[in-house]
PDB file of N, CA and C in Angstrom:
ATOM      1  N   UNK A   1      -8.781  93.437  59.269  1.00  0.00           N
ATOM      2  CA  UNK A   1      -8.273  94.390  60.237  1.00  0.00           C
ATOM      3  C   UNK A   1      -7.347  93.886  60.974  1.00  0.00           C
ATOM      4  N   UNK A   2      -6.535  94.494  61.413  1.00  0.00           N
ATOM      5  CA  UNK A   2      -5.138  94.461  62.321  1.00  0.00           C
ATOM      6  C   UNK A   2      -5.960  94.057  63.676  1.00  0.00           C
ATOM      7  N   UNK A   3      -5.033  93.250  64.392  1.00  0.00           N
ATOM      8  CA  UNK A   3      -5.510  92.847  65.624  1.00  0.00           C
ATOM      9  C   UNK A   3      -5.595  94.031  66.797  1.00  0.00           C
ATOM     10  N   UNK A   4      -4.559  94.898  66.700  1.00  0.00           N
ATOM     11  CA  UNK A   4      -4.459  96.233  67.551  1.00  0.00           C
ATOM     12  C   UNK A   4      -4.030  97.337  66.919  1.00  0.00           C
ATOM     13  N   UNK A   5      -4.540  98.464  66.792  1.00  0.00           N
ATOM     14  CA  UNK A   5      -3.796  99.677  66.251  1.00  0.00           C
ATOM     15  C   UNK A   5      -3.905 100.797  67.186  1.00  0.00           C
ATOM     16  N   UNK A   6      -2.701 101.391  67.712  1.00  0.00           N
ATOM     17  CA  UNK A   6      -2.684 102.399  68.625  1.00  0.00           C
ATOM     18  C   UNK A   6      -2.216 103.959  67.894  1.00  0.00           C
ATOM     19  N   UNK A   7      -3.092 104.929  67.785  1.00  0.00           N
ATOM     20  CA  UNK A   7      -2.521 105.947  67.258  1.00  0.00           C
ATOM     21  C   UNK A   7      -1.938 106.016  65.860  1.00  0.00           C
ATOM     22  N   UNK A   8      -2.715 104.863  65.007  1.00  0.00           N
ATOM     23  CA  UNK A   8      -2.143 104.666  63.593  1.00  0.00           C
ATOM     24  C   UNK A   8      -1.151 103.697  63.539  1.00  0.00           C
ATOM     25  N   UNK A   9      -0.551 102.964  64.509  1.00  0.00           N
ATOM     26  CA  UNK A   9       0.576 102.305  64.543  1.00  0.00           C
ATOM     27  C   UNK A   9       0.135 100.860  64.975  1.00  0.00           C
ATOM     28  N   UNK A  10       0.366  99.831  63.872  1.00  0.00           N
ATOM     29  CA  UNK A  10      -0.040  98.468  64.411  1.00  0.00           C
ATOM     30  C   UNK A  10       0.924  97.909  65.359  1.00  0.00           C
ATOM     31  N   UNK A  11       0.567  97.257  66.342  1.00  0.00           N
ATOM     32  CA  UNK A  11       1.047  96.619  67.512  1.00  0.00           C
ATOM     33  C   UNK A  11       1.094  95.359  67.216  1.00  0.00           C
ATOM     34  N   UNK A  12       2.559  94.790  67.449  1.00  0.00           N
ATOM     35  CA  UNK A  12       2.366  93.220  67.288  1.00  0.00           C
ATOM     36  C   UNK A  12       2.252  92.596  68.722  1.00  0.00           C
ATOM     37  N   UNK A  13       1.277  92.224  68.883  1.00  0.00           N
ATOM     38  CA  UNK A  13       0.629  91.613  70.253  1.00  0.00           C
ATOM     39  C   UNK A  13       1.336  90.251  70.525  1.00  0.00           C
ATOM     40  N   UNK A  14       1.957  89.910  71.487  1.00  0.00           N
ATOM     41  CA  UNK A  14       2.459  88.564  71.666  1.00  0.00           C
ATOM     42  C   UNK A  14       1.264  87.566  72.033  1.00  0.00           C
ATOM     43  N   UNK A  15       1.661  86.311  71.652  1.00  0.00           N
ATOM     44  CA  UNK A  15       0.761  85.313  71.885  1.00  0.00           C
ATOM     45  C   UNK A  15       0.220  85.175  73.187  1.00  0.00           C
ATOM     46  N   UNK A  16      -0.936  84.959  73.376  1.00  0.00           N
ATOM     47  CA  UNK A  16      -1.520  85.189  74.813  1.00  0.00           C
ATOM     48  C   UNK A  16      -1.070  86.491  75.525  1.00  0.00           C
ATOM     49  N   UNK A  17      -0.902  87.429  74.915  1.00  0.00           N
ATOM     50  CA  UNK A  17      -0.658  88.620  75.246  1.00  0.00           C
ATOM     51  C   UNK A  17      -1.510  90.022  75.445  1.00  0.00           C
ATOM     52  N   UNK A  18      -2.862  89.558  75.368  1.00  0.00           N
ATOM     53  CA  UNK A  18      -3.882  90.511  75.733  1.00  0.00           C
ATOM     54  C   UNK A  18      -5.012  89.791  76.536  1.00  0.00           C
ATOM     55  N   UNK A  19      -5.617  90.568  77.437  1.00  0.00           N
ATOM     56  CA  UNK A  19      -6.751  90.263  78.277  1.00  0.00           C
ATOM     57  C   UNK A  19      -7.485  91.285  78.489  1.00  0.00           C
ATOM     58  N   UNK A  20      -8.845  91.474  78.696  1.00  0.00           N
ATOM     59  CA  UNK A  20      -9.612  92.569  79.159  1.00  0.00           C
ATOM     60  C   UNK A  20     -10.378  92.328  80.518  1.00  0.00           C
ATOM     61  N   UNK A  21     -10.445  93.248  81.428  1.00  0.00           N
ATOM     62  CA  UNK A  21     -11.077  93.398  82.645  1.00  0.00           C
ATOM     63  C   UNK A  21     -12.231  94.323  82.252  1.00  0.00           C
ATOM     64  N   UNK A  22     -13.227  94.258  83.394  1.00  0.00           N
ATOM     65  CA  UNK A  22     -14.266  95.432  83.294  1.00  0.00           C
ATOM     66  C   UNK A  22     -14.175  96.198  84.506  1.00  0.00           C
ATOM     67  N   UNK A  23     -14.526  97.537  84.460  1.00  0.00           N
ATOM     68  CA  UNK A  23     -14.574  97.900  85.673  1.00  0.00           C
ATOM     69  C   UNK A  23     -15.953  98.910  85.924  1.00  0.00           C
ATOM     70  N   UNK A  24     -16.529  98.656  86.921  1.00  0.00           N
ATOM     71  CA  UNK A  24     -17.835  99.242  87.344  1.00  0.00           C
ATOM     72  C   UNK A  24     -17.676 100.409  87.648  1.00  0.00           C
ATOM     73  N   UNK A  25     -18.612 101.333  86.927  1.00  0.00           N
ATOM     74  CA  UNK A  25     -18.623 102.803  87.496  1.00  0.00           C
ATOM     75  C   UNK A  25     -19.789 102.888  88.254  1.00  0.00           C
ATOM     76  N   UNK A  26     -19.615 103.219  89.611  1.00  0.00           N
ATOM     77  CA  UNK A  26     -20.816 103.402  90.493  1.00  0.00           C
ATOM     78  C   UNK A  26     -20.609 102.697  91.588  1.00  0.00           C
ATOM     79  N   UNK A  27     -21.695 102.279  92.271  1.00  0.00           N
ATOM     80  CA  UNK A  27     -21.463 101.401  93.495  1.00  0.00           C
ATOM     81  C   UNK A  27     -22.611 100.270  93.660  1.00  0.00           C
ATOM     82  N   UNK A  28     -21.924  99.076  94.088  1.00  0.00           N
ATOM     83  CA  UNK A  28     -22.955  97.823  94.331  1.00  0.00           C
ATOM     84  C   UNK A  28     -22.817  97.194  95.726  1.00  0.00           C
ATOM     85  N   UNK A  29     -23.794  97.117  96.455  1.00  0.00           N
ATOM     86  CA  UNK A  29     -23.665  96.614  97.860  1.00  0.00           C
ATOM     87  C   UNK A  29     -24.919  95.883  98.182  1.00  0.00           C
ATOM     88  N   UNK A  30     -24.828  95.086  99.307  1.00  0.00           N
ATOM     89  CA  UNK A  30     -26.062  94.239  99.550  1.00  0.00           C
ATOM     90  C   UNK A  30     -26.880  95.339 100.626  1.00  0.00           C
ATOM     91  N   UNK A  31     -27.979  95.193 100.756  1.00  0.00           N
ATOM     92  CA  UNK A  31     -28.597  95.936 101.899  1.00  0.00           C
ATOM     93  C   UNK A  31     -28.837  95.014 102.838  1.00  0.00           C
ATOM     94  N   UNK A  32     -29.312  95.502 104.021  1.00  0.00           N
ATOM     95  CA  UNK A  32     -29.432  94.607 105.317  1.00  0.00           C
ATOM     96  C   UNK A  32     -30.304  93.311 105.159  1.00  0.00           C
ATOM     97  N   UNK A  33     -31.311  93.452 104.381  1.00  0.00           N
ATOM     98  CA  UNK A  33     -32.012  92.224 104.104  1.00  0.00           C
ATOM     99  C   UNK A  33     -31.509  91.220 103.100  1.00  0.00           C
ATOM    100  N   UNK A  34     -30.083  91.568 102.436  1.00  0.00           N
ATOM    101  CA  UNK A  34     -29.545  90.612 101.615  1.00  0.00           C
ATOM    102  C   UNK A  34     -29.668  91.073 100.236  1.00  0.00           C
ATOM    103  N   UNK A  35     -30.837  92.039  99.801  1.00  0.00           N
ATOM    104  CA  UNK A  35     -31.289  92.380  98.152  1.00  0.00           C
ATOM    105  C   UNK A  35     -29.781  93.025  97.576  1.00  0.00           C
ATOM    106  N   UNK A  36     -29.824  93.075  96.389  1.00  0.00           N
ATOM    107  CA  UNK A  36     -28.455  93.856  95.777  1.00  0.00           C
ATOM    108  C   UNK A  36     -29.056  95.263  95.596  1.00  0.00           C
ATOM    109  N   UNK A  37     -28.293  96.401  96.187  1.00  0.00           N
ATOM    110  CA  UNK A  37     -28.359  97.564  95.860  1.00  0.00           C
ATOM    111  C   UNK A  37     -27.271  98.058  94.778  1.00  0.00           C
ATOM    112  N   UNK A  38     -27.571  98.604  93.675  1.00  0.00           N
ATOM    113  CA  UNK A  38     -26.429  99.152  92.695  1.00  0.00           C
ATOM    114  C   UNK A  38     -27.084 100.306  92.197  1.00  0.00           C
ATOM    115  N   UNK A  39     -25.967 100.945  92.051  1.00  0.00           N
ATOM    116  CA  UNK A  39     -25.899 102.400  91.286  1.00  0.00           C
ATOM    117  C   UNK A  39     -25.185 102.575  90.036  1.00  0.00           C
ATOM    118  N   UNK A  40     -24.989 101.441  89.290  1.00  0.00           N
ATOM    119  CA  UNK A  40     -24.346 101.377  88.214  1.00  0.00           C
ATOM    120  C   UNK A  40     -24.535 102.368  87.199  1.00  0.00           C
ATOM    121  N   UNK A  41     -23.371 103.265  86.790  1.00  0.00           N
ATOM    122  CA  UNK A  41     -23.548 104.410  85.710  1.00  0.00           C
ATOM    123  C   UNK A  41     -23.121 103.764  84.430  1.00  0.00           C
ATOM    124  N   UNK A  42     -21.963 102.912  84.490  1.00  0.00           N
ATOM    125  CA  UNK A  42     -21.607 102.242  83.343  1.00  0.00           C
ATOM    126  C   UNK A  42     -20.648 101.267  83.650  1.00  0.00           C
ATOM    127  N   UNK A  43     -20.068 100.622  82.819  1.00  0.00           N
ATOM    128  CA  UNK A  43     -18.929  99.499  82.907  1.00  0.00           C
ATOM    129  C   UNK A  43     -18.120  99.846  81.840  1.00  0.00           C
ATOM    130  N   UNK A  44     -16.745 100.265  82.103  1.00  0.00           N
ATOM    131  CA  UNK A  44     -15.821 100.337  81.380  1.00  0.00           C
ATOM    132  C   UNK A  44     -14.793  99.192  80.981  1.00  0.00           C
ATOM    133  N   UNK A  45     -13.875  99.081  80.007  1.00  0.00           N
ATOM    134  CA  UNK A  45     -13.215  97.964  79.527  1.00  0.00           C
ATOM    135  C   UNK A  45     -11.783  98.566  79.916  1.00  0.00           C
ATOM    136  N   UNK A  46     -10.736  97.620  80.415  1.00  0.00           N
ATOM    137  CA  UNK A  46      -9.446  97.895  80.627  1.00  0.00           C
ATOM    138  C   UNK A  46      -8.690  96.741  79.791  1.00  0.00           C
ATOM    139  N   UNK A  47      -8.002  96.983  78.691  1.00  0.00           N
ATOM    140  CA  UNK A  47      -7.304  96.122  78.283  1.00  0.00           C
ATOM    141  C   UNK A  47      -5.740  95.791  78.456  1.00  0.00           C
ATOM    142  N   UNK A  48      -5.074  94.832  78.842  1.00  0.00           N
ATOM    143  CA  UNK A  48      -3.879  94.681  79.304  1.00  0.00           C
ATOM    144  C   UNK A  48      -3.164  93.959  78.238  1.00  0.00           C
ATOM    145  N   UNK A  49      -2.049  94.590  77.652  1.00  0.00           N
ATOM    146  CA  UNK A  49      -1.361  94.095  76.325  1.00  0.00           C
ATOM    147  C   UNK A  49      -0.019  94.174  76.593  1.00  0.00           C
ATOM    148  N   UNK A  50       0.669  92.649  76.115  1.00  0.00           N
ATOM    149  CA  UNK A  50       2.132  92.777  76.119  1.00  0.00           C
ATOM    150  C   UNK A  50       2.521  92.320  74.563  1.00  0.00           C
ATOM    151  N   UNK A  51       3.438  93.273  73.997  1.00  0.00           N
ATOM    152  CA  UNK A  51       3.777  93.133  72.617  1.00  0.00           C
ATOM    153  C   UNK A  51       4.753  91.873  72.510  1.00  0.00           C
ATOM    154  N   UNK A  52       5.072  91.569  71.570  1.00  0.00           N
ATOM    155  CA  UNK A  52       6.049  90.444  70.944  1.00  0.00           C
ATOM    156  C   UNK A  52       7.330  91.386  71.090  1.00  0.00           C
ATOM    157  N   UNK A  53       8.535  90.543  71.315  1.00  0.00           N
ATOM    158  CA  UNK A  53       9.817  91.395  71.237  1.00  0.00           C
ATOM    159  C   UNK A  53       9.818  92.022  69.805  1.00  0.00           C
ATOM    160  N   UNK A  54      10.277  93.512  69.711  1.00  0.00           N
ATOM    161  CA  UNK A  54      10.557  94.018  68.646  1.00  0.00           C
ATOM    162  C   UNK A  54      11.755  94.910  68.656  1.00  0.00           C
ATOM    163  N   UNK A  55      12.247  95.609  67.654  1.00  0.00           N
ATOM    164  CA  UNK A  55      13.298  96.252  67.649  1.00  0.00           C
ATOM    165  C   UNK A  55      13.431  97.510  68.326  1.00  0.00           C
ATOM    166  N   UNK A  56      14.213  98.120  69.150  1.00  0.00           N
ATOM    167  CA  UNK A  56      14.562  99.345  69.790  1.00  0.00           C
ATOM    168  C   UNK A  56      13.475 100.375  69.280  1.00  0.00           C
ATOM    169  N   UNK A  57      13.770 100.749  67.983  1.00  0.00           N
ATOM    170  CA  UNK A  57      13.508 101.769  67.469  1.00  0.00           C
ATOM    171  C   UNK A  57      11.695 101.676  67.552  1.00  0.00           C
ATOM    172  N   UNK A  58      11.253 100.613  66.925  1.00  0.00           N
ATOM    173  CA  UNK A  58       9.693 100.242  66.947  1.00  0.00           C
ATOM    174  C   UNK A  58       9.133 100.477  68.535  1.00  0.00           C
ATOM    175  N   UNK A  59       9.932  99.786  69.448  1.00  0.00           N
ATOM    176  CA  UNK A  59       9.429  99.971  70.842  1.00  0.00           C
ATOM    177  C   UNK A  59       9.255 101.450  71.304  1.00  0.00           C
ATOM    178  N   UNK A  60      10.428 101.957  70.901  1.00  0.00           N
ATOM    179  CA  UNK A  60      10.379 103.503  71.455  1.00  0.00           C
ATOM    180  C   UNK A  60       9.150 104.350  70.800  1.00  0.00           C
ATOM    181  N   UNK A  61       8.862 104.151  69.483  1.00  0.00           N
ATOM    182  CA  UNK A  61       7.966 104.719  68.685  1.00  0.00           C
ATOM    183  C   UNK A  61       6.436 104.504  69.259  1.00  0.00           C
ATOM    184  N   UNK A  62       6.469 103.216  69.647  1.00  0.00           N
ATOM    185  CA  UNK A  62       5.286 102.692  70.341  1.00  0.00           C
ATOM    186  C   UNK A  62       4.893 103.323  71.680  1.00  0.00           C
ATOM    187  N   UNK A  63       6.018 103.357  72.533  1.00  0.00           N
ATOM    188  CA  UNK A  63       5.844 103.962  73.726  1.00  0.00           C
ATOM    189  C   UNK A  63       5.499 105.531  73.778  1.00  0.00           C
ATOM    190  N   UNK A  64       6.109 106.348  72.764  1.00  0.00           N
ATOM    191  CA  UNK A  64       5.721 107.421  72.469  1.00  0.00           C
ATOM    192  C   UNK A  64       4.297 107.729  72.055  1.00  0.00           C
ATOM    193  N   UNK A  65       3.736 106.596  71.129  1.00  0.00           N
ATOM    194  CA  UNK A  65       2.326 106.765  70.643  1.00  0.00           C
ATOM    195  C   UNK A  65       1.427 106.555  71.905  1.00  0.00           C
ATOM    196  N   UNK A  66       1.799 105.677  73.000  1.00  0.00           N
ATOM    197  CA  UNK A  66       1.112 105.357  73.768  1.00  0.00           C
ATOM    198  C   UNK A  66       1.116 106.614  74.882  1.00  0.00           C
ATOM    199  N   UNK A  67       2.282 107.326  75.066  1.00  0.00           N
ATOM    200  CA  UNK A  67       2.307 108.378  75.949  1.00  0.00           C
ATOM    201  C   UNK A  67       1.799 109.676  75.539  1.00  0.00           C
ATOM    202  N   UNK A  68       1.218 109.567  74.418  1.00  0.00           N
ATOM    203  CA  UNK A  68       0.715 110.793  73.852  1.00  0.00           C
ATOM    204  C   UNK A  68      -0.693 111.314  74.634  1.00  0.00           C
ATOM    205  N   UNK A  69      -0.915 112.640  74.598  1.00  0.00           N
ATOM    206  CA  UNK A  69      -1.924 113.191  75.367  1.00  0.00           C
ATOM    207  C   UNK A  69      -3.272 112.483  75.099  1.00  0.00           C
ATOM    208  N   UNK A  70      -4.089 111.911  76.018  1.00  0.00           N
ATOM    209  CA  UNK A  70      -5.256 111.204  75.887  1.00  0.00           C
ATOM    210  C   UNK A  70      -6.384 112.194  75.595  1.00  0.00           C
ATOM    211  N   UNK A  71      -7.415 111.700  75.075  1.00  0.00           N
ATOM    212  CA  UNK A  71      -7.762 110.275  74.513  1.00  0.00           C
ATOM    213  C   UNK A  71      -6.885 109.991  73.253  1.00  0.00           C
ATOM    214  N   UNK A  72      -6.437 108.792  73.011  1.00  0.00           N
ATOM    215  CA  UNK A  72      -5.774 108.278  71.944  1.00  0.00           C
ATOM    216  C   UNK A  72      -6.711 107.372  71.170  1.00  0.00           C
ATOM    217  N   UNK A  73      -6.697 107.431  69.751  1.00  0.00           N
ATOM    218  CA  UNK A  73      -7.611 106.311  69.282  1.00  0.00           C
ATOM    219  C   UNK A  73      -6.985 104.840  69.163  1.00  0.00           C
ATOM    220  N   UNK A  74      -7.837 103.996  69.560  1.00  0.00           N
ATOM    221  CA  UNK A  74      -7.346 102.698  69.452  1.00  0.00           C
ATOM    222  C   UNK A  74      -8.346 101.853  68.694  1.00  0.00           C
ATOM    223  N   UNK A  75      -7.952 100.802  67.913  1.00  0.00           N
ATOM    224  CA  UNK A  75      -8.941  99.930  67.199  1.00  0.00           C
ATOM    225  C   UNK A  75      -8.096  98.785  66.924  1.00  0.00           C
ATOM    226  N   UNK A  76      -9.079  97.716  65.809  1.00  0.00           N
ATOM    227  CA  UNK A  76      -8.584  96.463  65.747  1.00  0.00           C
ATOM    228  C   UNK A  76      -9.597  95.421  66.425  1.00  0.00           C
ATOM    229  N   UNK A  77      -9.370  94.515  65.621  1.00  0.00           N
ATOM    230  CA  UNK A  77     -10.274  93.197  65.947  1.00  0.00           C
ATOM    231  C   UNK A  77     -10.259  92.851  67.667  1.00  0.00           C
ATOM    232  N   UNK A  78      -9.291  93.063  68.405  1.00  0.00           N
ATOM    233  CA  UNK A  78      -9.282  92.854  69.956  1.00  0.00           C
ATOM    234  C   UNK A  78     -10.087  93.911  70.567  1.00  0.00           C
ATOM    235  N   UNK A  79     -10.527  94.892  69.964  1.00  0.00           N
ATOM    236  CA  UNK A  79     -11.298  95.914  70.474  1.00  0.00           C
ATOM    237  C   UNK A  79     -12.893  95.999  70.029  1.00  0.00           C
ATOM    238  N   UNK A  80     -12.803  95.034  68.661  1.00  0.00           N
ATOM    239  CA  UNK A  80     -14.089  95.209  68.122  1.00  0.00           C
ATOM    240  C   UNK A  80     -14.679  96.303  67.581  1.00  0.00           C
ATOM    241  N   UNK A  81     -13.601  97.273  67.211  1.00  0.00           N
ATOM    242  CA  UNK A  81     -13.955  98.615  66.368  1.00  0.00           C
ATOM    243  C   UNK A  81     -12.867  99.758  66.710  1.00  0.00           C
ATOM    244  N   UNK A  82     -13.452 100.904  66.954  1.00  0.00           N
ATOM    245  CA  UNK A  82     -12.535 101.954  67.206  1.00  0.00           C
ATOM    246  C   UNK A  82     -13.008 102.603  68.576  1.00  0.00           C
ATOM    247  N   UNK A  83     -12.201 102.831  69.433  1.00  0.00           N
ATOM    248  CA  UNK A  83     -12.498 103.235  71.031  1.00  0.00           C
ATOM    249  C   UNK A  83     -11.247 104.206  71.297  1.00  0.00           C
ATOM    250  N   UNK A  84     -11.870 105.279  71.912  1.00  0.00           N
ATOM    251  CA  UNK A  84     -11.098 106.388  72.587  1.00  0.00           C
ATOM    252  C   UNK A  84     -10.287 105.830  74.000  1.00  0.00           C
ATOM    253  N   UNK A  85      -9.252 105.977  74.181  1.00  0.00           N
ATOM    254  CA  UNK A  85      -8.381 105.160  75.060  1.00  0.00           C
ATOM    255  C   UNK A  85      -7.524 106.010  75.885  1.00  0.00           C
ATOM    256  N   UNK A  86      -7.221 105.879  77.213  1.00  0.00           N
ATOM    257  CA  UNK A  86      -6.190 106.599  77.908  1.00  0.00           C
ATOM    258  C   UNK A  86      -5.374 105.283  78.146  1.00  0.00           C
ATOM    259  N   UNK A  87      -3.889 105.732  77.789  1.00  0.00           N
ATOM    260  CA  UNK A  87      -2.910 104.399  77.760  1.00  0.00           C
ATOM    261  C   UNK A  87      -2.191 104.701  79.152  1.00  0.00           C
ATOM    262  N   UNK A  88      -1.670 103.345  79.578  1.00  0.00           N
ATOM    263  CA  UNK A  88      -0.779 103.429  80.876  1.00  0.00           C
ATOM    264  C   UNK A  88       0.298 102.451  80.600  1.00  0.00           C
ATOM    265  N   UNK A  89       1.588 102.974  80.230  1.00  0.00           N
ATOM    266  CA  UNK A  89       2.660 101.996  80.046  1.00  0.00           C
ATOM    267  C   UNK A  89       3.040 101.333  81.375  1.00  0.00           C
ATOM    268  N   UNK A  90       3.094  99.907  81.549  1.00  0.00           N
ATOM    269  CA  UNK A  90       3.350  99.563  82.780  1.00  0.00           C
ATOM    270  C   UNK A  90       4.776  98.749  82.953  1.00  0.00           C
ATOM    271  N   UNK A  91       5.275  98.677  81.844  1.00  0.00           N
ATOM    272  CA  UNK A  91       6.517  97.999  81.971  1.00  0.00           C
ATOM    273  C   UNK A  91       7.189  97.828  80.353  1.00  0.00           C
ATOM    274  N   UNK A  92       8.607  97.683  80.450  1.00  0.00           N
ATOM    275  CA  UNK A  92       9.081  97.278  79.157  1.00  0.00           C
ATOM    276  C   UNK A  92      10.320  96.057  79.455  1.00  0.00           C
ATOM    277  N   UNK A  93      10.125  94.892  78.942  1.00  0.00           N
ATOM    278  CA  UNK A  93      11.183  93.874  79.046  1.00  0.00           C
ATOM    279  C   UNK A  93      12.288  94.005  78.109  1.00  0.00           C
ATOM    280  N   UNK A  94      13.583  93.692  78.323  1.00  0.00           N
ATOM    281  CA  UNK A  94      14.758  93.915  77.264  1.00  0.00           C
ATOM    282  C   UNK A  94      15.046  92.490  77.214  1.00  0.00           C
ATOM    283  N   UNK A  95      15.366  92.129  75.980  1.00  0.00           N
ATOM    284  CA  UNK A  95      15.991  90.846  75.836  1.00  0.00           C
ATOM    285  C   UNK A  95      17.023  90.985  74.745  1.00  0.00           C
ATOM    286  N   UNK A  96      18.094  90.175  74.397  1.00  0.00           N
ATOM    287  CA  UNK A  96      19.223  89.962  73.652  1.00  0.00           C
ATOM    288  C   UNK A  96      18.834  89.406  72.483  1.00  0.00           C
ATOM    289  N   UNK A  97      19.354  90.002  71.300  1.00  0.00           N
ATOM    290  CA  UNK A  97      19.137  89.201  69.910  1.00  0.00           C
ATOM    291  C   UNK A  97      20.220  88.950  69.230  1.00  0.00           C
ATOM    292  N   UNK A  98      20.337  88.050  68.366  1.00  0.00           N
ATOM    293  CA  UNK A  98      21.585  87.829  67.545  1.00  0.00           C
ATOM    294  C   UNK A  98      22.188  89.143  66.980  1.00  0.00           C
ATOM    295  N   UNK A  99      23.514  88.943  66.882  1.00  0.00           N
ATOM    296  CA  UNK A  99      24.271  90.166  66.270  1.00  0.00           C
ATOM    297  C   UNK A  99      24.162  91.381  67.173  1.00  0.00           C
ATOM    298  N   UNK A 100      24.158  91.003  68.486  1.00  0.00           N
ATOM    299  CA  UNK A 100      24.511  92.300  69.408  1.00  0.00           C
ATOM    300  C   UNK A 100      23.536  93.217  69.483  1.00  0.00           C
ATOM    301  N   UNK A 101      22.270  93.068  68.692  1.00  0.00           N
ATOM    302  CA  UNK A 101      21.017  94.160  68.794  1.00  0.00           C
ATOM    303  C   UNK A 101      20.323  93.672  69.842  1.00  0.00           C
ATOM    304  N   UNK A 102      19.365  94.457  70.814  1.00  0.00           N
ATOM    305  CA  UNK A 102      18.638  94.045  71.702  1.00  0.00           C
ATOM    306  C   UNK A 102      17.228  94.121  71.132  1.00  0.00           C
ATOM    307  N   UNK A 103      16.182  93.718  72.006  1.00  0.00           N
ATOM    308  CA  UNK A 103      14.787  93.588  71.558  1.00  0.00           C
ATOM    309  C   UNK A 103      14.239  93.985  72.660  1.00  0.00           C
ATOM    310  N   UNK A 104      12.982  94.904  72.625  1.00  0.00           N
ATOM    311  CA  UNK A 104      12.085  95.164  73.700  1.00  0.00           C
ATOM    312  C   UNK A 104      10.526  94.615  73.684  1.00  0.00           C
ATOM    313  N   UNK A 105       9.906  94.470  74.720  1.00  0.00           N
ATOM    314  CA  UNK A 105       8.546  94.000  74.615  1.00  0.00           C
ATOM    315  C   UNK A 105       7.928  95.074  75.538  1.00  0.00           C
ATOM    316  N   UNK A 106       7.052  95.790  75.130  1.00  0.00           N
ATOM    317  CA  UNK A 106       6.480  96.782  75.947  1.00  0.00           C
ATOM    318  C   UNK A 106       5.039  96.237  76.621  1.00  0.00           C
ATOM    319  N   UNK A 107       4.702  96.440  77.760  1.00  0.00           N
ATOM    320  CA  UNK A 107       3.542  96.146  78.427  1.00  0.00           C
ATOM    321  C   UNK A 107       2.768  97.417  78.938  1.00  0.00           C
ATOM    322  N   UNK A 108       1.657  97.451  78.501  1.00  0.00           N
ATOM    323  CA  UNK A 108       0.724  98.666  78.535  1.00  0.00           C
ATOM    324  C   UNK A 108      -0.875  98.308  78.937  1.00  0.00           C
ATOM    325  N   UNK A 109      -1.562  99.028  79.598  1.00  0.00           N
ATOM    326  CA  UNK A 109      -3.018  99.021  79.661  1.00  0.00           C
ATOM    327  C   UNK A 109      -3.631 100.167  78.893  1.00  0.00           C
ATOM    328  N   UNK A 110      -4.789  99.836  78.312  1.00  0.00           N
ATOM    329  CA  UNK A 110      -5.530 100.707  77.747  1.00  0.00           C
ATOM    330  C   UNK A 110      -6.758 100.831  78.441  1.00  0.00           C
ATOM    331  N   UNK A 111      -7.169 101.845  78.728  1.00  0.00           N
ATOM    332  CA  UNK A 111      -8.384 102.267  79.683  1.00  0.00           C
ATOM    333  C   UNK A 111      -9.289 102.810  78.736  1.00  0.00           C
ATOM    334  N   UNK A 112     -10.622 102.226  78.520  1.00  0.00           N
ATOM    335  CA  UNK A 112     -11.592 102.990  77.799  1.00  0.00           C
ATOM    336  C   UNK A 112     -12.103 104.210  78.487  1.00  0.00           C
ATOM    337  N   UNK A 113     -12.219 105.431  77.653  1.00  0.00           N
ATOM    338  CA  UNK A 113     -12.949 106.577  78.109  1.00  0.00           C
ATOM    339  C   UNK A 113     -13.952 106.666  78.229  1.00  0.00           C
TER     340      UNK A 113
END
């Protein structure tokens, strides 16, 4: 299986270009006596991804897939299966390439629905 597929498009993830954070849904606090009080309902994952530099057309196609109406289908070894996601594009990095062609790396966050 591919490392990451978003809306049917295989994403070329950069080396060291992926990480995951966990989001607590609910509340957690200490009571006056020091004991933990928690009303956790769920824990959701947020994956931060940066692609390898790619052709402008491929970067534009990926950006269009990411900005599609959520939830979008995300799958691959990075996610451990298929997950419904809400994508957030956080940046695009431009870099020159030989022959006068430019390349782009897309940075985005996938929020687990």
